[in-house]
Amino acid sequence: MDTTDSSERYVQLVRDLCNTVGLADAEHVLHTRSIEVEGFDVQLEHFDNDLEALYANFHYGTVTAGRTLTVFRLMLEANLLIYAQDQAQLGLDTDTGGIVLVLRVPMTYDVDGEVLADLLAHYAEHGRYWRQNIIESTDEMFEGVAAGDYVWLRA
């Protein structure tokens, strides 16, 4: 796939996504490369060094002081056990302290706006888990999750 074809495919997918979810201003989404999905900021990127994919970067929230090391361990476990099979990775934005999920979506022709909307909704659900159980939880709840009381990793 050459640069022109892949750029056109990216634009087509973003427009189809906007149409599917009822966003009237697809041009704004294309210009900002940003969309909000169930309260999460998501950057929609397309890179010259990976022409066959669209990247959705979810910003799940900021890790509070004192939890960074434990959260980093939980993200590593999630990357190994869950996200590796989905072409997704969790990371920590060192500038903001925020958890970011990077999702690689191959721009095959079976991927359309509906498929993309479903994927974004699916990973927004993951974001709610991270936000509720890790980022915003009380210390007692957080310690339970960090001790291995997380069921989603075993699913």
N, C-alpha and C. Protein backbone atom coordinates (compact mmCIF):
# COMPACT_ATOMS: atom_id res chain seq x y z
N MET A 1 0.86 -1.17 0.00
CA MET A 1 0.00 0.00 0.00
C MET A 1 0.91 1.23 0.00
N ASP A 2 0.72 2.12 -0.98
CA ASP A 2 1.56 3.32 -1.01
C ASP A 2 0.97 4.41 -0.11
N THR A 3 1.73 5.50 0.05
CA THR A 3 1.36 6.57 0.97
C THR A 3 0.01 7.18 0.63
N THR A 4 -0.24 7.44 -0.65
CA THR A 4 -1.50 8.06 -1.06
C THR A 4 -2.68 7.15 -0.76
N ASP A 5 -2.57 5.87 -1.14
CA ASP A 5 -3.65 4.92 -0.88
C ASP A 5 -3.92 4.78 0.61
N SER A 6 -2.86 4.69 1.41
CA SER A 6 -3.04 4.51 2.85
C SER A 6 -3.62 5.76 3.49
N SER A 7 -3.20 6.93 3.04
CA SER A 7 -3.77 8.17 3.57
C SER A 7 -5.24 8.28 3.23
N GLU A 8 -5.60 7.90 2.01
CA GLU A 8 -7.01 7.91 1.61
C GLU A 8 -7.81 6.90 2.43
N ARG A 9 -7.23 5.75 2.69
CA ARG A 9 -7.91 4.71 3.49
C ARG A 9 -8.11 5.22 4.92
N TYR A 10 -7.11 5.88 5.49
CA TYR A 10 -7.23 6.46 6.84
C TYR A 10 -8.38 7.47 6.88
N VAL A 11 -8.42 8.39 5.91
CA VAL A 11 -9.48 9.40 5.84
C VAL A 11 -10.84 8.72 5.70
N GLN A 12 -10.93 7.72 4.83
CA GLN A 12 -12.17 6.99 4.63
C GLN A 12 -12.64 6.34 5.93
N LEU A 13 -11.72 5.71 6.67
CA LEU A 13 -12.07 5.05 7.93
C LEU A 13 -12.55 6.06 8.98
N VAL A 14 -11.87 7.18 9.09
CA VAL A 14 -12.27 8.19 10.07
C VAL A 14 -13.64 8.76 9.71
N ARG A 15 -13.86 9.03 8.44
CA ARG A 15 -15.18 9.54 8.02
C ARG A 15 -16.28 8.51 8.29
N ASP A 16 -15.99 7.25 8.00
CA ASP A 16 -16.96 6.19 8.23
C ASP A 16 -17.23 6.03 9.73
N LEU A 17 -16.20 6.13 10.54
CA LEU A 17 -16.36 6.09 12.00
C LEU A 17 -17.28 7.21 12.46
N CYS A 18 -17.02 8.43 12.01
CA CYS A 18 -17.84 9.58 12.40
C CYS A 18 -19.29 9.38 11.97
N ASN A 19 -19.48 8.88 10.77
CA ASN A 19 -20.84 8.62 10.28
C ASN A 19 -21.53 7.56 11.14
N THR A 20 -20.80 6.51 11.49
CA THR A 20 -21.36 5.42 12.29
C THR A 20 -21.81 5.89 13.66
N VAL A 21 -21.00 6.74 14.31
CA VAL A 21 -21.34 7.18 15.68
C VAL A 21 -22.14 8.48 15.70
N GLY A 22 -22.43 9.04 14.54
CA GLY A 22 -23.27 10.23 14.47
C GLY A 22 -22.55 11.55 14.69
N LEU A 23 -21.26 11.59 14.44
CA LEU A 23 -20.51 12.85 14.51
C LEU A 23 -20.59 13.54 13.16
N ALA A 24 -21.14 14.73 13.15
CA ALA A 24 -21.37 15.43 11.89
C ALA A 24 -20.10 16.04 11.31
N ASP A 25 -19.14 16.39 12.14
CA ASP A 25 -17.96 17.11 11.67
C ASP A 25 -16.73 16.21 11.58
N ALA A 26 -16.72 15.34 10.59
CA ALA A 26 -15.59 14.44 10.38
C ALA A 26 -14.32 15.22 10.05
N GLU A 27 -14.46 16.37 9.41
CA GLU A 27 -13.29 17.17 9.04
C GLU A 27 -12.56 17.67 10.29
N HIS A 28 -13.32 18.00 11.33
CA HIS A 28 -12.71 18.42 12.59
C HIS A 28 -11.91 17.26 13.21
N VAL A 29 -12.48 16.08 13.18
CA VAL A 29 -11.79 14.89 13.70
C VAL A 29 -10.53 14.62 12.89
N LEU A 30 -10.63 14.75 11.57
CA LEU A 30 -9.45 14.55 10.72
C LEU A 30 -8.38 15.60 10.98
N HIS A 31 -8.81 16.84 11.22
CA HIS A 31 -7.86 17.93 11.48
C HIS A 31 -7.17 17.76 12.83
N THR A 32 -7.93 17.45 13.86
CA THR A 32 -7.35 17.33 15.21
C THR A 32 -6.80 15.95 15.50
N ARG A 33 -7.22 14.97 14.68
CA ARG A 33 -6.86 13.58 14.90
C ARG A 33 -7.25 13.12 16.29
N SER A 34 -8.35 13.66 16.77
CA SER A 34 -8.79 13.41 18.14
C SER A 34 -10.29 13.20 18.19
N ILE A 35 -10.70 12.30 19.07
CA ILE A 35 -12.11 12.01 19.27
C ILE A 35 -12.28 11.63 20.74
N GLU A 36 -13.46 11.86 21.26
CA GLU A 36 -13.75 11.44 22.64
C GLU A 36 -14.62 10.20 22.56
N VAL A 37 -14.20 9.17 23.28
CA VAL A 37 -14.94 7.91 23.31
C VAL A 37 -15.28 7.60 24.76
N GLU A 38 -16.56 7.72 25.08
CA GLU A 38 -17.06 7.41 26.42
C GLU A 38 -16.24 8.09 27.51
N GLY A 39 -15.89 9.35 27.30
CA GLY A 39 -15.17 10.13 28.29
C GLY A 39 -13.66 10.05 28.20
N PHE A 40 -13.12 9.29 27.27
CA PHE A 40 -11.68 9.15 27.10
C PHE A 40 -11.22 9.90 25.86
N ASP A 41 -10.13 10.63 25.98
CA ASP A 41 -9.53 11.27 24.81
C ASP A 41 -8.79 10.20 24.03
N VAL A 42 -9.05 10.14 22.74
CA VAL A 42 -8.41 9.16 21.86
C VAL A 42 -7.83 9.89 20.67
N GLN A 43 -6.53 9.70 20.46
CA GLN A 43 -5.86 10.25 19.28
C GLN A 43 -5.91 9.19 18.19
N LEU A 44 -6.32 9.57 17.00
CA LEU A 44 -6.35 8.67 15.85
C LEU A 44 -5.19 9.05 14.95
N GLU A 45 -4.20 8.19 14.87
CA GLU A 45 -2.97 8.51 14.15
C GLU A 45 -2.75 7.58 12.98
N HIS A 46 -1.97 8.06 12.03
CA HIS A 46 -1.54 7.28 10.87
C HIS A 46 -0.12 7.70 10.58
N PHE A 47 0.79 6.74 10.52
CA PHE A 47 2.21 7.05 10.40
C PHE A 47 2.80 6.54 9.10
N ASP A 48 3.75 7.30 8.56
CA ASP A 48 4.42 6.92 7.32
C ASP A 48 5.22 5.63 7.45
N ASN A 49 5.67 5.30 8.67
CA ASN A 49 6.47 4.08 8.82
C ASN A 49 5.62 2.83 9.08
N ASP A 50 4.29 2.98 9.09
CA ASP A 50 3.36 1.85 9.19
C ASP A 50 2.10 2.20 8.41
N LEU A 51 2.23 2.19 7.10
CA LEU A 51 1.16 2.67 6.22
C LEU A 51 -0.11 1.83 6.28
N GLU A 52 -0.02 0.62 6.75
CA GLU A 52 -1.16 -0.28 6.69
C GLU A 52 -2.00 -0.28 7.96
N ALA A 53 -1.74 0.69 8.87
CA ALA A 53 -2.45 0.67 10.15
C ALA A 53 -2.88 2.06 10.58
N LEU A 54 -3.93 2.08 11.36
CA LEU A 54 -4.40 3.26 12.08
C LEU A 54 -4.08 2.99 13.54
N TYR A 55 -3.64 4.00 14.26
CA TYR A 55 -3.34 3.85 15.69
C TYR A 55 -4.33 4.67 16.49
N ALA A 56 -4.90 4.05 17.51
CA ALA A 56 -5.80 4.74 18.44
C ALA A 56 -5.10 4.77 19.79
N ASN A 57 -4.78 5.97 20.25
CA ASN A 57 -4.08 6.14 21.52
C ASN A 57 -5.06 6.65 22.57
N PHE A 58 -5.44 5.78 23.49
CA PHE A 58 -6.37 6.11 24.56
C PHE A 58 -5.61 6.71 25.73
N HIS A 59 -6.13 7.78 26.28
CA HIS A 59 -5.56 8.38 27.49
C HIS A 59 -6.49 8.03 28.63
N TYR A 60 -6.04 7.08 29.48
CA TYR A 60 -6.89 6.53 30.52
C TYR A 60 -6.91 7.36 31.80
N GLY A 61 -5.88 8.12 32.06
CA GLY A 61 -5.86 8.93 33.29
C GLY A 61 -4.46 8.96 33.88
N THR A 62 -4.31 9.76 34.93
CA THR A 62 -3.00 9.98 35.54
C THR A 62 -2.85 9.13 36.80
N VAL A 63 -1.71 8.52 36.94
CA VAL A 63 -1.39 7.70 38.10
C VAL A 63 -0.97 8.62 39.25
N THR A 64 -1.53 8.38 40.42
CA THR A 64 -1.18 9.19 41.58
C THR A 64 0.19 8.81 42.12
N ALA A 65 0.82 9.77 42.78
CA ALA A 65 2.15 9.54 43.35
C ALA A 65 2.10 8.36 44.32
N GLY A 66 3.14 7.57 44.28
CA GLY A 66 3.24 6.42 45.17
C GLY A 66 2.71 5.14 44.57
N ARG A 67 2.01 5.24 43.46
CA ARG A 67 1.45 4.04 42.83
C ARG A 67 2.14 3.68 41.51
N THR A 68 3.02 4.51 41.06
CA THR A 68 3.59 4.35 39.72
C THR A 68 4.25 2.99 39.53
N LEU A 69 5.07 2.56 40.45
CA LEU A 69 5.78 1.29 40.29
C LEU A 69 4.81 0.12 40.23
N THR A 70 3.83 0.11 41.12
CA THR A 70 2.84 -0.98 41.12
C THR A 70 2.00 -0.94 39.85
N VAL A 71 1.58 0.24 39.44
CA VAL A 71 0.79 0.36 38.22
C VAL A 71 1.62 -0.09 37.01
N PHE A 72 2.90 0.26 37.00
CA PHE A 72 3.77 -0.17 35.92
C PHE A 72 3.83 -1.69 35.86
N ARG A 73 3.90 -2.35 37.02
CA ARG A 73 3.91 -3.82 37.05
C ARG A 73 2.60 -4.38 36.52
N LEU A 74 1.47 -3.77 36.93
CA LEU A 74 0.16 -4.23 36.43
C LEU A 74 0.06 -4.04 34.92
N MET A 75 0.59 -2.93 34.41
CA MET A 75 0.56 -2.70 32.96
C MET A 75 1.41 -3.73 32.23
N LEU A 76 2.56 -4.08 32.79
CA LEU A 76 3.42 -5.09 32.18
C LEU A 76 2.69 -6.43 32.12
N GLU A 77 2.04 -6.82 33.22
CA GLU A 77 1.28 -8.07 33.24
C GLU A 77 0.15 -8.02 32.20
N ALA A 78 -0.55 -6.90 32.13
CA ALA A 78 -1.63 -6.78 31.16
C ALA A 78 -1.09 -6.85 29.74
N ASN A 79 0.05 -6.24 29.48
CA ASN A 79 0.65 -6.29 28.14
C ASN A 79 1.01 -7.72 27.77
N LEU A 80 1.53 -8.48 28.71
CA LEU A 80 1.94 -9.86 28.42
C LEU A 80 0.75 -10.81 28.30
N LEU A 81 -0.25 -10.63 29.15
CA LEU A 81 -1.34 -11.60 29.22
C LEU A 81 -2.56 -11.26 28.38
N ILE A 82 -2.81 -9.98 28.15
CA ILE A 82 -4.04 -9.57 27.48
C ILE A 82 -3.76 -8.88 26.15
N TYR A 83 -3.03 -7.78 26.20
CA TYR A 83 -2.96 -6.88 25.05
C TYR A 83 -2.04 -7.35 23.93
N ALA A 84 -1.09 -8.21 24.20
CA ALA A 84 -0.18 -8.67 23.16
C ALA A 84 -0.94 -9.36 22.03
N GLN A 85 -2.02 -10.05 22.37
CA GLN A 85 -2.80 -10.75 21.34
C GLN A 85 -3.66 -9.80 20.53
N ASP A 86 -3.86 -8.56 21.03
CA ASP A 86 -4.72 -7.59 20.37
C ASP A 86 -3.99 -6.49 19.63
N GLN A 87 -2.68 -6.58 19.50
CA GLN A 87 -1.89 -5.51 18.91
C GLN A 87 -2.08 -4.20 19.68
N ALA A 88 -2.13 -4.32 21.00
CA ALA A 88 -2.28 -3.16 21.87
C ALA A 88 -1.21 -3.20 22.94
N GLN A 89 -0.87 -2.04 23.46
CA GLN A 89 0.12 -1.96 24.54
C GLN A 89 -0.25 -0.83 25.47
N LEU A 90 -0.09 -1.08 26.77
CA LEU A 90 -0.24 -0.04 27.77
C LEU A 90 1.12 0.56 28.05
N GLY A 91 1.14 1.84 28.28
CA GLY A 91 2.37 2.51 28.63
C GLY A 91 2.09 3.68 29.56
N LEU A 92 3.16 4.27 30.02
CA LEU A 92 3.06 5.42 30.91
C LEU A 92 3.68 6.61 30.21
N ASP A 93 2.91 7.68 30.07
CA ASP A 93 3.41 8.92 29.49
C ASP A 93 4.28 9.60 30.55
N THR A 94 5.57 9.63 30.33
CA THR A 94 6.49 10.16 31.34
C THR A 94 6.31 11.66 31.56
N ASP A 95 5.77 12.37 30.58
CA ASP A 95 5.55 13.81 30.75
C ASP A 95 4.36 14.11 31.66
N THR A 96 3.31 13.29 31.57
CA THR A 96 2.09 13.57 32.32
C THR A 96 1.81 12.60 33.45
N GLY A 97 2.47 11.43 33.43
CA GLY A 97 2.16 10.40 34.41
C GLY A 97 0.90 9.65 34.07
N GLY A 98 0.40 9.83 32.86
CA GLY A 98 -0.85 9.19 32.44
C GLY A 98 -0.65 7.83 31.83
N ILE A 99 -1.67 6.99 31.99
CA ILE A 99 -1.68 5.67 31.35
C ILE A 99 -2.22 5.84 29.95
N VAL A 100 -1.50 5.30 28.98
CA VAL A 100 -1.90 5.38 27.58
C VAL A 100 -1.97 3.96 27.02
N LEU A 101 -3.07 3.66 26.35
CA LEU A 101 -3.19 2.40 25.63
C LEU A 101 -3.03 2.72 24.16
N VAL A 102 -2.09 2.08 23.51
CA VAL A 102 -1.85 2.27 22.07
C VAL A 102 -2.38 1.03 21.37
N LEU A 103 -3.36 1.25 20.51
CA LEU A 103 -4.00 0.17 19.78
C LEU A 103 -3.66 0.30 18.30
N ARG A 104 -3.08 -0.74 17.73
CA ARG A 104 -2.80 -0.77 16.29
C ARG A 104 -3.95 -1.49 15.60
N VAL A 105 -4.57 -0.80 14.65
CA VAL A 105 -5.70 -1.36 13.90
C VAL A 105 -5.29 -1.48 12.43
N PRO A 106 -5.07 -2.71 11.94
CA PRO A 106 -4.75 -2.86 10.52
C PRO A 106 -5.89 -2.30 9.66
N MET A 107 -5.55 -1.52 8.65
CA MET A 107 -6.57 -0.90 7.79
C MET A 107 -6.94 -1.82 6.63
N THR A 108 -7.37 -3.03 6.97
CA THR A 108 -7.83 -3.96 5.96
C THR A 108 -9.23 -3.55 5.53
N TYR A 109 -9.68 -4.09 4.43
CA TYR A 109 -10.98 -3.66 3.90
C TYR A 109 -12.15 -4.28 4.63
N ASP A 110 -11.91 -5.21 5.56
CA ASP A 110 -13.00 -5.69 6.40
C ASP A 110 -13.19 -4.80 7.63
N VAL A 111 -12.29 -3.83 7.83
CA VAL A 111 -12.43 -2.85 8.91
C VAL A 111 -13.17 -1.64 8.34
N ASP A 112 -14.28 -1.31 8.99
CA ASP A 112 -15.06 -0.14 8.58
C ASP A 112 -15.38 0.68 9.82
N GLY A 113 -16.22 1.69 9.66
CA GLY A 113 -16.56 2.56 10.78
C GLY A 113 -17.21 1.82 11.92
N GLU A 114 -18.05 0.85 11.61
CA GLU A 114 -18.72 0.08 12.66
C GLU A 114 -17.74 -0.78 13.44
N VAL A 115 -16.84 -1.45 12.75
CA VAL A 115 -15.81 -2.26 13.41
C VAL A 115 -14.93 -1.37 14.28
N LEU A 116 -14.54 -0.23 13.74
CA LEU A 116 -13.70 0.70 14.49
C LEU A 116 -14.43 1.24 15.72
N ALA A 117 -15.70 1.59 15.57
CA ALA A 117 -16.49 2.07 16.71
C ALA A 117 -16.60 1.00 17.79
N ASP A 118 -16.81 -0.25 17.38
CA ASP A 118 -16.88 -1.35 18.35
C ASP A 118 -15.56 -1.54 19.08
N LEU A 119 -14.45 -1.46 18.35
CA LEU A 119 -13.13 -1.58 18.98
C LEU A 119 -12.89 -0.46 19.98
N LEU A 120 -13.23 0.77 19.60
CA LEU A 120 -13.03 1.90 20.50
C LEU A 120 -13.90 1.76 21.74
N ALA A 121 -15.13 1.30 21.59
CA ALA A 121 -16.01 1.08 22.74
C ALA A 121 -15.45 -0.02 23.64
N HIS A 122 -14.91 -1.08 23.03
CA HIS A 122 -14.32 -2.18 23.80
C HIS A 122 -13.16 -1.68 24.66
N TYR A 123 -12.28 -0.88 24.07
CA TYR A 123 -11.12 -0.41 24.83
C TYR A 123 -11.49 0.73 25.78
N ALA A 124 -12.60 1.40 25.55
CA ALA A 124 -13.11 2.36 26.53
C ALA A 124 -13.54 1.59 27.78
N GLU A 125 -14.09 0.40 27.60
CA GLU A 125 -14.46 -0.44 28.74
C GLU A 125 -13.22 -0.81 29.55
N HIS A 126 -12.14 -1.14 28.88
CA HIS A 126 -10.88 -1.40 29.57
C HIS A 126 -10.44 -0.16 30.34
N GLY A 127 -10.60 0.99 29.70
CA GLY A 127 -10.22 2.25 30.34
C GLY A 127 -11.02 2.51 31.61
N ARG A 128 -12.31 2.18 31.57
CA ARG A 128 -13.13 2.34 32.78
C ARG A 128 -12.61 1.46 33.90
N TYR A 129 -12.20 0.23 33.56
CA TYR A 129 -11.62 -0.65 34.57
C TYR A 129 -10.37 -0.02 35.17
N TRP A 130 -9.46 0.42 34.31
CA TRP A 130 -8.22 1.04 34.82
C TRP A 130 -8.55 2.26 35.66
N ARG A 131 -9.47 3.08 35.20
CA ARG A 131 -9.81 4.30 35.93
C ARG A 131 -10.44 3.99 37.28
N GLN A 132 -11.42 3.10 37.31
CA GLN A 132 -12.15 2.81 38.54
C GLN A 132 -11.34 1.99 39.54
N ASN A 133 -10.61 1.01 39.06
CA ASN A 133 -9.96 0.07 39.97
C ASN A 133 -8.50 0.37 40.24
N ILE A 134 -7.88 1.20 39.44
CA ILE A 134 -6.46 1.44 39.63
C ILE A 134 -6.17 2.92 39.85
N ILE A 135 -6.71 3.77 39.01
CA ILE A 135 -6.38 5.19 39.10
C ILE A 135 -7.15 5.88 40.22
N GLU A 136 -8.47 5.66 40.30
CA GLU A 136 -9.31 6.40 41.24
C GLU A 136 -9.68 5.62 42.49
N SER A 137 -9.22 4.39 42.63
CA SER A 137 -9.64 3.57 43.76
C SER A 137 -9.01 4.04 45.07
N THR A 138 -9.66 3.66 46.17
CA THR A 138 -9.08 3.93 47.48
C THR A 138 -7.83 3.09 47.65
N ASP A 139 -7.01 3.44 48.62
CA ASP A 139 -5.78 2.67 48.85
C ASP A 139 -6.09 1.21 49.15
N GLU A 140 -7.15 0.95 49.92
CA GLU A 140 -7.52 -0.42 50.27
C GLU A 140 -7.89 -1.23 49.02
N MET A 141 -8.72 -0.65 48.16
CA MET A 141 -9.11 -1.33 46.92
C MET A 141 -7.90 -1.53 46.02
N PHE A 142 -7.07 -0.49 45.92
CA PHE A 142 -5.89 -0.58 45.06
C PHE A 142 -4.96 -1.70 45.51
N GLU A 143 -4.76 -1.81 46.81
CA GLU A 143 -3.88 -2.87 47.33
C GLU A 143 -4.43 -4.25 46.99
N GLY A 144 -5.78 -4.40 46.99
CA GLY A 144 -6.38 -5.67 46.62
C GLY A 144 -6.12 -6.01 45.16
N VAL A 145 -6.26 -5.04 44.29
CA VAL A 145 -5.99 -5.25 42.87
C VAL A 145 -4.51 -5.57 42.67
N ALA A 146 -3.65 -4.80 43.32
CA ALA A 146 -2.21 -4.99 43.16
C ALA A 146 -1.74 -6.33 43.73
N ALA A 147 -2.52 -6.90 44.68
CA ALA A 147 -2.16 -8.18 45.28
C ALA A 147 -2.63 -9.36 44.42
N GLY A 148 -3.35 -9.10 43.36
CA GLY A 148 -3.77 -10.18 42.48
C GLY A 148 -5.26 -10.42 42.46
N ASP A 149 -6.05 -9.53 43.03
CA ASP A 149 -7.50 -9.70 43.05
C ASP A 149 -8.16 -9.13 41.81
N TYR A 150 -7.50 -9.16 40.69
CA TYR A 150 -8.05 -8.62 39.45
C TYR A 150 -8.53 -9.78 38.59
N VAL A 151 -9.80 -9.78 38.26
CA VAL A 151 -10.39 -10.88 37.51
C VAL A 151 -10.22 -10.71 36.01
N TRP A 152 -10.10 -9.48 35.53
CA TRP A 152 -10.06 -9.28 34.07
C TRP A 152 -8.79 -9.86 33.45
N LEU A 153 -7.70 -9.97 34.22
CA LEU A 153 -6.48 -10.55 33.66
C LEU A 153 -6.62 -12.07 33.51
N ARG A 154 -7.53 -12.66 34.26
CA ARG A 154 -7.71 -14.11 34.20
C ARG A 154 -8.74 -14.53 33.16
N ALA A 155 -9.41 -13.57 32.56
CA ALA A 155 -10.49 -13.87 31.62
C ALA A 155 -9.96 -14.48 30.34
